[in-house]
């Protein structure tokens, strides 16, 4: 086996590996399910920590206010996502209707 054949074989292997990596990380249908599940867990955590953002009184939010400077960007995105009721109902409805 000469050098050009070895290079071509190596490039084929690398191409196959990159295609598999792309499929597994981005284009696989399970990626969307994992992303939605992570978003749901984040929603539950944020709602448990900051219920007063939606008018639910809780003494827990006094203690969790200390982490607010660290998760400021996530908090704003979460609050915006939850206040948009149309997208929230649509997202939650998709979970039960495949």
C-alpha atoms as a PDB file:
ATOM      1  CA  UNK A   1       0.000   0.000   0.000  1.00  0.00           C
ATOM      2  CA  UNK A   2       1.587   3.249  -1.078  1.00  0.00           C
ATOM      3  CA  UNK A   3       1.262   6.663   0.544  1.00  0.00           C
ATOM      4  CA  UNK A   4      -1.689   8.079  -1.500  1.00  0.00           C
ATOM      5  CA  UNK A   5      -3.784   4.981  -0.755  1.00  0.00           C
ATOM      6  CA  UNK A   6      -2.978   5.198   2.950  1.00  0.00           C
ATOM      7  CA  UNK A   7      -3.905   8.900   3.015  1.00  0.00           C
ATOM      8  CA  UNK A   8      -7.183   8.194   1.200  1.00  0.00           C
ATOM      9  CA  UNK A   9      -8.007   5.378   3.617  1.00  0.00           C
ATOM     10  CA  UNK A  10      -7.210   7.605   6.595  1.00  0.00           C
ATOM     11  CA  UNK A  11      -9.408  10.404   5.225  1.00  0.00           C
ATOM     12  CA  UNK A  12     -12.285   7.950   4.723  1.00  0.00           C
ATOM     13  CA  UNK A  13     -12.007   6.833   8.338  1.00  0.00           C
ATOM     14  CA  UNK A  14     -11.891  10.428   9.608  1.00  0.00           C
ATOM     15  CA  UNK A  15     -14.868  11.364   7.408  1.00  0.00           C
ATOM     16  CA  UNK A  16     -16.904   8.450   8.751  1.00  0.00           C
ATOM     17  CA  UNK A  17     -15.991   9.361  12.330  1.00  0.00           C
ATOM     18  CA  UNK A  18     -16.942  13.036  11.867  1.00  0.00           C
ATOM     19  CA  UNK A  19     -20.265  12.092  10.250  1.00  0.00           C
ATOM     20  CA  UNK A  20     -21.059   9.780  13.168  1.00  0.00           C
ATOM     21  CA  UNK A  21     -20.123  12.444  15.685  1.00  0.00           C
ATOM     22  CA  UNK A  22     -22.322  15.024  13.948  1.00  0.00           C
ATOM     23  CA  UNK A  23     -25.232  12.579  13.785  1.00  0.00           C
ATOM     24  CA  UNK A  24     -24.902  11.665  17.448  1.00  0.00           C
ATOM     25  CA  UNK A  25     -24.521  15.191  18.767  1.00  0.00           C
ATOM     26  CA  UNK A  26     -26.728  17.314  16.521  1.00  0.00           C
ATOM     27  CA  UNK A  27     -28.974  15.566  14.049  1.00  0.00           C
ATOM     28  CA  UNK A  28     -30.132  12.538  16.050  1.00  0.00           C
ATOM     29  CA  UNK A  29     -33.789  12.785  17.177  1.00  0.00           C
ATOM     30  CA  UNK A  30     -32.828  12.012  20.765  1.00  0.00           C
ATOM     31  CA  UNK A  31     -30.877  15.280  20.877  1.00  0.00           C
ATOM     32  CA  UNK A  32     -34.111  17.281  20.856  1.00  0.00           C
ATOM     33  CA  UNK A  33     -35.626  15.114  23.593  1.00  0.00           C
ATOM     34  CA  UNK A  34     -32.555  15.508  25.769  1.00  0.00           C
ATOM     35  CA  UNK A  35     -32.600  19.256  25.194  1.00  0.00           C
ATOM     36  CA  UNK A  36     -36.296  19.509  26.137  1.00  0.00           C
ATOM     37  CA  UNK A  37     -35.765  17.378  29.238  1.00  0.00           C
ATOM     38  CA  UNK A  38     -32.870  19.587  30.336  1.00  0.00           C
ATOM     39  CA  UNK A  39     -35.032  22.654  29.771  1.00  0.00           C
ATOM     40  CA  UNK A  40     -37.830  21.140  31.877  1.00  0.00           C
ATOM     41  CA  UNK A  41     -35.398  20.386  34.709  1.00  0.00           C
ATOM     42  CA  UNK A  42     -34.079  23.928  34.525  1.00  0.00           C
ATOM     43  CA  UNK A  43     -37.641  25.275  34.627  1.00  0.00           C
ATOM     44  CA  UNK A  44     -38.458  23.190  37.703  1.00  0.00           C
ATOM     45  CA  UNK A  45     -35.273  24.272  39.473  1.00  0.00           C
ATOM     46  CA  UNK A  46     -35.783  27.949  38.722  1.00  0.00           C
ATOM     47  CA  UNK A  47     -39.443  27.817  39.763  1.00  0.00           C
ATOM     48  CA  UNK A  48     -38.494  26.112  43.028  1.00  0.00           C
ATOM     49  CA  UNK A  49     -35.820  28.734  43.703  1.00  0.00           C
ATOM     50  CA  UNK A  50     -37.674  31.853  42.562  1.00  0.00           C
ATOM     51  CA  UNK A  51     -41.430  31.330  42.907  1.00  0.00           C
ATOM     52  CA  UNK A  52     -41.956  34.970  43.869  1.00  0.00           C
ATOM     53  CA  UNK A  53     -41.144  35.960  40.283  1.00  0.00           C
ATOM     54  CA  UNK A  54     -44.618  34.670  39.426  1.00  0.00           C
ATOM     55  CA  UNK A  55     -46.450  35.779  42.543  1.00  0.00           C
ATOM     56  CA  UNK A  56     -46.094  32.598  44.577  1.00  0.00           C
ATOM     57  CA  UNK A  57     -44.929  33.541  48.086  1.00  0.00           C
ATOM     58  CA  UNK A  58     -42.150  31.380  49.449  1.00  0.00           C
ATOM     59  CA  UNK A  59     -39.491  31.847  52.134  1.00  0.00           C
ATOM     60  CA  UNK A  60     -37.035  29.872  50.008  1.00  0.00           C
ATOM     61  CA  UNK A  61     -36.524  32.757  47.600  1.00  0.00           C
ATOM     62  CA  UNK A  62     -34.908  34.797  50.411  1.00  0.00           C
ATOM     63  CA  UNK A  63     -32.068  32.273  50.590  1.00  0.00           C
ATOM     64  CA  UNK A  64     -31.805  31.582  46.880  1.00  0.00           C
ATOM     65  CA  UNK A  65     -31.495  35.288  46.052  1.00  0.00           C
ATOM     66  CA  UNK A  66     -27.787  34.907  46.735  1.00  0.00           C
ATOM     67  CA  UNK A  67     -27.306  32.793  43.586  1.00  0.00           C
ATOM     68  CA  UNK A  68     -29.132  35.275  41.377  1.00  0.00           C
ATOM     69  CA  UNK A  69     -25.994  37.214  40.306  1.00  0.00           C
ATOM     70  CA  UNK A  70     -24.459  33.959  39.085  1.00  0.00           C
ATOM     71  CA  UNK A  71     -27.440  32.874  36.994  1.00  0.00           C
ATOM     72  CA  UNK A  72     -28.641  36.267  35.822  1.00  0.00           C
ATOM     73  CA  UNK A  73     -28.664  35.407  32.098  1.00  0.00           C
ATOM     74  CA  UNK A  74     -30.431  32.099  32.619  1.00  0.00           C
ATOM     75  CA  UNK A  75     -32.987  33.749  34.895  1.00  0.00           C
ATOM     76  CA  UNK A  76     -33.904  36.392  32.307  1.00  0.00           C
ATOM     77  CA  UNK A  77     -34.270  33.787  29.562  1.00  0.00           C
ATOM     78  CA  UNK A  78     -36.326  31.536  31.836  1.00  0.00           C
ATOM     79  CA  UNK A  79     -38.622  34.361  32.892  1.00  0.00           C
ATOM     80  CA  UNK A  80     -39.133  35.472  29.292  1.00  0.00           C
ATOM     81  CA  UNK A  81     -39.870  31.905  28.220  1.00  0.00           C
ATOM     82  CA  UNK A  82     -42.427  31.339  30.975  1.00  0.00           C
ATOM     83  CA  UNK A  83     -44.218  34.643  30.461  1.00  0.00           C
ATOM     84  CA  UNK A  84     -44.784  33.777  26.808  1.00  0.00           C
ATOM     85  CA  UNK A  85     -47.804  31.573  27.460  1.00  0.00           C
ATOM     86  CA  UNK A  86     -48.380  30.526  23.842  1.00  0.00           C
ATOM     87  CA  UNK A  87     -44.946  29.008  23.429  1.00  0.00           C
ATOM     88  CA  UNK A  88     -45.085  27.474  26.912  1.00  0.00           C
ATOM     89  CA  UNK A  89     -48.399  25.719  26.282  1.00  0.00           C
ATOM     90  CA  UNK A  90     -47.182  24.595  22.868  1.00  0.00           C
ATOM     91  CA  UNK A  91     -43.931  23.203  24.283  1.00  0.00           C
ATOM     92  CA  UNK A  92     -45.645  21.348  27.097  1.00  0.00           C
ATOM     93  CA  UNK A  93     -48.313  20.031  24.742  1.00  0.00           C
ATOM     94  CA  UNK A  94     -45.676  18.542  22.446  1.00  0.00           C
ATOM     95  CA  UNK A  95     -44.490  16.309  25.247  1.00  0.00           C
ATOM     96  CA  UNK A  96     -47.760  14.419  25.334  1.00  0.00           C
ATOM     97  CA  UNK A  97     -48.539  14.346  21.606  1.00  0.00           C
ATOM     98  CA  UNK A  98     -45.794  12.623  19.710  1.00  0.00           C
END
